[in-house]
Amino acid sequence: MKKTADIRKIVFIILNIIVIGLVMYWDFMYYEHGRTWRKGTASSMFVLLGAVNLIYALLNKAVNLKYPIVMTAGFVLGMLGDIAINYEFIPGAALFALGHVFYFAALCCLIPFGKTDALTGGILTVISIGVLQLCPVFVFEDPVIEVICCVYGVIISFMFGKAVSNLIRIRNFQNILIVVGCFLFYFSDLMLVFDWFSDFDEYARELCLFTYYPAQCILGAAMFITAMKSKSGKAQ
């Protein structure tokens, strides 16, 4: 049984490396050549990464299947948001926001929501809204767009805050990966705001693209680490 488990682990490590490589390849192709289909292909690859690691969790008989299921659903919503935002900002932002809600819920599946989560999420929310409202470089011509950005800022702040809080409460490699992934996600979204709503956008698109896709890959890899360490009948 142990030999089978070891072989399975090696196979899925190789699959993770291949899929992550495909994500970054299509990320670069989209950066170089544009076109929504290339972006959609890159995003479909991180959905595939989530699916691969969900399958590994099932095969490995992980205790907590809610986490990989909810996270993979978040990846699907992120992919749809990636495609939609190339056509219309509001539907794309709405799908992204919903995806972040799923990411937040997935992290709550790892460790239930508590006071530390509220504190870290609240602090980051104040920072995010403060930047959006007080930074003079941002110009929101449509007040509806401004409100959407602020709501989105609250959601991603609580997602990132939850990741930080989880690491504070349980210090392990899995939670370190999740914090790094969520930070890159947070930074990527900030660069997206610079790209869309400011004149300081010279490198914003590049910084957005080349932090967003690695963020998704890291969050996907964290699913694998979690499934590898969590087996039926064993503590997480």
Protein backbone atom coordinates (compact mmCIF):
# COMPACT_ATOMS: atom_id res chain seq x y z
CA MET A 1 0.00 0.00 0.00
CA LYS A 2 2.82 2.38 0.89
CA LYS A 3 4.53 1.72 -2.44
CA THR A 4 1.28 2.47 -4.30
CA ALA A 5 0.85 5.69 -2.32
CA ASP A 6 4.43 6.74 -3.10
CA ILE A 7 3.99 6.07 -6.82
CA ARG A 8 0.71 7.99 -6.80
CA LYS A 9 2.40 10.93 -5.08
CA ILE A 10 5.22 11.01 -7.65
CA VAL A 11 2.73 10.86 -10.54
CA PHE A 12 0.73 13.76 -9.15
CA ILE A 13 3.86 15.79 -8.42
CA ILE A 14 4.81 15.39 -12.08
CA LEU A 15 1.26 16.33 -13.14
CA ASN A 16 1.43 19.45 -10.97
CA ILE A 17 4.74 20.50 -12.53
CA ILE A 18 3.40 19.94 -16.07
CA VAL A 19 0.16 21.84 -15.49
CA ILE A 20 1.90 24.74 -13.73
CA GLY A 21 4.30 24.90 -16.68
CA LEU A 22 1.31 25.09 -19.05
CA VAL A 23 -0.27 27.88 -16.98
CA MET A 24 2.89 29.98 -17.21
CA TYR A 25 3.41 29.18 -20.90
CA TRP A 26 -0.08 30.43 -21.83
CA ASP A 27 0.34 33.40 -19.48
CA PHE A 28 3.41 34.41 -21.49
CA MET A 29 1.64 33.72 -24.79
CA TYR A 30 -1.23 35.98 -23.75
CA TYR A 31 1.21 38.70 -22.70
CA GLU A 32 3.08 38.49 -26.01
CA HIS A 33 0.18 38.04 -28.43
CA GLY A 34 -3.02 38.98 -26.61
CA ARG A 35 -6.43 37.55 -27.58
CA THR A 36 -8.99 36.41 -25.05
CA TRP A 37 -8.75 32.76 -26.09
CA ARG A 38 -5.11 32.66 -24.98
CA LYS A 39 -6.02 34.18 -21.63
CA GLY A 40 -8.89 31.72 -21.29
CA THR A 41 -6.53 28.85 -22.07
CA ALA A 42 -4.08 30.00 -19.38
CA SER A 43 -6.92 30.24 -16.89
CA SER A 44 -8.35 26.86 -17.85
CA MET A 45 -4.96 25.41 -16.95
CA PHE A 46 -5.21 26.55 -13.31
CA VAL A 47 -8.72 25.06 -13.23
CA LEU A 48 -7.10 21.82 -14.45
CA LEU A 49 -4.53 22.16 -11.65
CA GLY A 50 -7.33 22.41 -9.12
CA ALA A 51 -9.07 19.40 -10.65
CA VAL A 52 -5.86 17.34 -10.61
CA ASN A 53 -5.32 18.04 -6.93
CA LEU A 54 -8.97 17.45 -6.09
CA ILE A 55 -8.63 14.01 -7.70
CA TYR A 56 -5.46 13.43 -5.66
CA ALA A 57 -7.34 14.36 -2.47
CA LEU A 58 -10.07 11.86 -3.37
CA LEU A 59 -7.57 9.09 -4.16
CA ASN A 60 -5.54 9.87 -1.05
CA LYS A 61 -8.71 9.70 1.08
CA ALA A 62 -8.17 13.13 2.56
CA VAL A 63 -10.31 13.93 5.58
CA ASN A 64 -11.25 17.45 4.53
CA LEU A 65 -12.66 17.28 1.00
CA LYS A 66 -14.62 20.52 1.39
CA TYR A 67 -11.42 22.55 1.04
CA PRO A 68 -10.31 21.24 -2.41
CA ILE A 69 -13.89 21.17 -3.72
CA VAL A 70 -14.61 24.78 -2.76
CA MET A 71 -11.17 25.96 -3.93
CA THR A 72 -11.63 24.31 -7.33
CA ALA A 73 -15.03 26.00 -7.66
CA GLY A 74 -13.22 29.29 -6.97
CA PHE A 75 -10.77 28.50 -9.78
CA VAL A 76 -13.67 27.97 -12.18
CA LEU A 77 -15.17 31.34 -11.24
CA GLY A 78 -11.74 32.96 -11.65
CA MET A 79 -11.44 31.53 -15.15
CA LEU A 80 -14.88 32.85 -16.07
CA GLY A 81 -13.94 36.24 -14.63
CA ASP A 82 -10.74 36.30 -16.68
CA ILE A 83 -12.74 35.85 -19.86
CA ALA A 84 -15.65 38.14 -18.95
CA ILE A 85 -13.50 41.09 -17.86
CA ASN A 86 -11.96 41.28 -21.34
CA TYR A 87 -15.42 42.20 -22.62
CA GLU A 88 -17.12 44.01 -19.71
CA PHE A 89 -15.54 45.17 -16.45
CA ILE A 90 -18.57 44.79 -14.16
CA PRO A 91 -19.48 41.14 -14.97
CA GLY A 92 -15.81 40.19 -14.84
CA ALA A 93 -15.28 41.91 -11.49
CA ALA A 94 -18.45 40.28 -10.13
CA LEU A 95 -17.20 36.81 -11.09
CA PHE A 96 -13.78 37.54 -9.58
CA ALA A 97 -15.41 38.75 -6.37
CA LEU A 98 -17.52 35.61 -6.17
CA GLY A 99 -14.40 33.53 -6.81
CA HIS A 100 -12.68 35.26 -3.88
CA VAL A 101 -15.68 34.47 -1.70
CA PHE A 102 -15.14 30.80 -2.57
CA TYR A 103 -11.40 31.08 -1.81
CA PHE A 104 -12.25 32.65 1.54
CA ALA A 105 -14.79 29.88 2.22
CA ALA A 106 -12.18 27.26 1.28
CA LEU A 107 -9.74 28.71 3.81
CA CYS A 108 -12.52 28.63 6.40
CA CYS A 109 -12.83 24.91 5.63
CA LEU A 110 -9.24 24.52 6.81
CA ILE A 111 -9.68 26.56 10.00
CA PRO A 112 -13.09 27.91 11.10
CA PHE A 113 -13.57 31.70 11.09
CA GLY A 114 -12.57 33.38 14.35
CA LYS A 115 -11.65 36.68 15.99
CA THR A 116 -8.14 36.74 14.49
CA ASP A 117 -9.64 36.41 11.01
CA ALA A 118 -11.96 39.36 11.65
CA LEU A 119 -9.04 41.46 12.93
CA THR A 120 -6.66 40.75 10.05
CA GLY A 121 -9.43 41.09 7.46
CA GLY A 122 -10.60 44.35 9.03
CA ILE A 123 -7.11 45.86 9.05
CA LEU A 124 -6.52 44.97 5.41
CA THR A 125 -9.96 46.32 4.49
CA VAL A 126 -9.13 49.70 6.02
CA ILE A 127 -5.86 49.77 4.09
CA SER A 128 -7.50 48.73 0.80
CA ILE A 129 -10.40 51.18 0.99
CA GLY A 130 -8.02 53.90 2.14
CA VAL A 131 -5.81 53.37 -0.91
CA LEU A 132 -8.78 53.38 -3.29
CA GLN A 133 -10.39 56.47 -1.75
CA LEU A 134 -7.40 58.59 -0.77
CA CYS A 135 -4.79 57.82 -3.43
CA PRO A 136 -5.06 60.72 -5.93
CA VAL A 137 -3.78 58.70 -8.89
CA PHE A 138 -7.02 56.70 -9.14
CA VAL A 139 -9.81 58.23 -11.22
CA PHE A 140 -13.19 56.50 -11.23
CA GLU A 141 -15.38 58.26 -13.79
CA ASP A 142 -18.34 56.02 -13.00
CA PRO A 143 -19.39 55.95 -9.30
CA VAL A 144 -20.85 52.46 -9.78
CA ILE A 145 -17.40 51.19 -10.81
CA GLU A 146 -15.90 52.86 -7.74
CA VAL A 147 -18.39 51.11 -5.44
CA ILE A 148 -17.70 47.78 -7.13
CA CYS A 149 -13.96 48.24 -6.64
CA CYS A 150 -14.48 49.04 -2.96
CA VAL A 151 -16.71 46.00 -2.42
CA TYR A 152 -14.16 43.89 -4.23
CA GLY A 153 -11.45 45.39 -2.02
CA VAL A 154 -13.33 44.28 1.10
CA ILE A 155 -13.72 40.73 -0.21
CA ILE A 156 -10.10 40.23 -1.24
CA SER A 157 -8.91 41.86 1.98
CA PHE A 158 -10.79 39.28 4.02
CA MET A 159 -9.48 36.49 1.81
CA PHE A 160 -5.88 37.63 2.26
CA GLY A 161 -6.53 38.35 5.94
CA LYS A 162 -7.89 34.84 6.44
CA ALA A 163 -4.73 33.38 4.89
CA VAL A 164 -2.55 35.44 7.24
CA SER A 165 -4.69 34.51 10.23
CA ASN A 166 -4.49 30.80 9.36
CA LEU A 167 -0.70 31.05 9.32
CA ILE A 168 -0.69 32.86 12.67
CA ARG A 169 -2.84 30.12 14.18
CA ILE A 170 -1.09 27.13 12.54
CA ARG A 171 2.44 27.61 11.23
CA ASN A 172 3.08 25.05 8.50
CA PHE A 173 4.29 24.93 4.89
CA GLN A 174 0.78 24.68 3.50
CA ASN A 175 -0.31 27.93 5.17
CA ILE A 176 2.91 29.68 4.11
CA LEU A 177 2.14 28.77 0.49
CA ILE A 178 -1.43 30.04 0.87
CA VAL A 179 -0.24 33.38 2.30
CA VAL A 180 2.24 33.83 -0.55
CA GLY A 181 -0.44 32.96 -3.12
CA CYS A 182 -2.99 35.32 -1.56
CA PHE A 183 -0.44 38.14 -1.30
CA LEU A 184 0.42 37.79 -4.99
CA PHE A 185 -3.32 37.75 -5.76
CA TYR A 186 -3.84 40.91 -3.70
CA PHE A 187 -0.90 42.63 -5.39
CA SER A 188 -2.07 41.53 -8.84
CA ASP A 189 -5.51 43.04 -8.27
CA LEU A 190 -3.92 46.28 -7.08
CA MET A 191 -1.91 46.40 -10.31
CA LEU A 192 -5.13 45.79 -12.25
CA VAL A 193 -6.64 48.89 -10.61
CA PHE A 194 -3.55 50.90 -11.55
CA ASP A 195 -3.82 49.59 -15.10
CA TRP A 196 -7.49 50.43 -15.52
CA PHE A 197 -8.00 53.54 -13.40
CA SER A 198 -4.76 55.52 -13.29
CA ASP A 199 -2.12 57.07 -15.53
CA PHE A 200 0.59 55.16 -13.65
CA ASP A 201 0.09 52.08 -15.76
CA GLU A 202 3.39 51.69 -17.59
CA TYR A 203 4.25 48.34 -16.01
CA ALA A 204 0.95 47.62 -14.26
CA ARG A 205 -0.30 45.11 -16.85
CA GLU A 206 2.93 43.13 -16.74
CA LEU A 207 2.97 43.09 -12.94
CA CYS A 208 -0.68 42.06 -12.89
CA LEU A 209 -0.25 39.16 -15.31
CA PHE A 210 3.00 37.84 -13.88
CA THR A 211 1.76 37.78 -10.30
CA TYR A 212 -1.83 36.65 -10.95
CA TYR A 213 -1.08 33.34 -12.64
CA PRO A 214 1.71 32.37 -10.22
CA ALA A 215 -0.74 33.17 -7.39
CA GLN A 216 -3.25 30.70 -8.80
CA CYS A 217 -0.52 28.08 -9.26
CA ILE A 218 0.67 28.47 -5.67
CA LEU A 219 -2.87 28.16 -4.32
CA GLY A 220 -3.33 25.06 -6.47
CA ALA A 221 -0.06 23.57 -5.21
CA ALA A 222 -1.18 24.20 -1.62
CA MET A 223 -4.15 21.92 -2.33
CA PHE A 224 -1.72 19.13 -3.18
CA ILE A 225 0.30 19.66 0.01
CA THR A 226 -2.89 19.59 2.07
CA ALA A 227 -4.13 16.38 0.44
CA MET A 228 -0.73 14.76 0.85
CA LYS A 229 -0.73 15.42 4.60
CA SER A 230 -4.40 14.78 5.28
CA LYS A 231 -5.52 11.16 5.23
CA SER A 232 -8.59 9.45 6.53
CA GLY A 233 -8.23 8.73 10.22
CA LYS A 234 -5.28 11.12 10.66
CA ALA A 235 -5.17 14.67 11.97
CA GLN A 236 -4.62 17.48 9.48
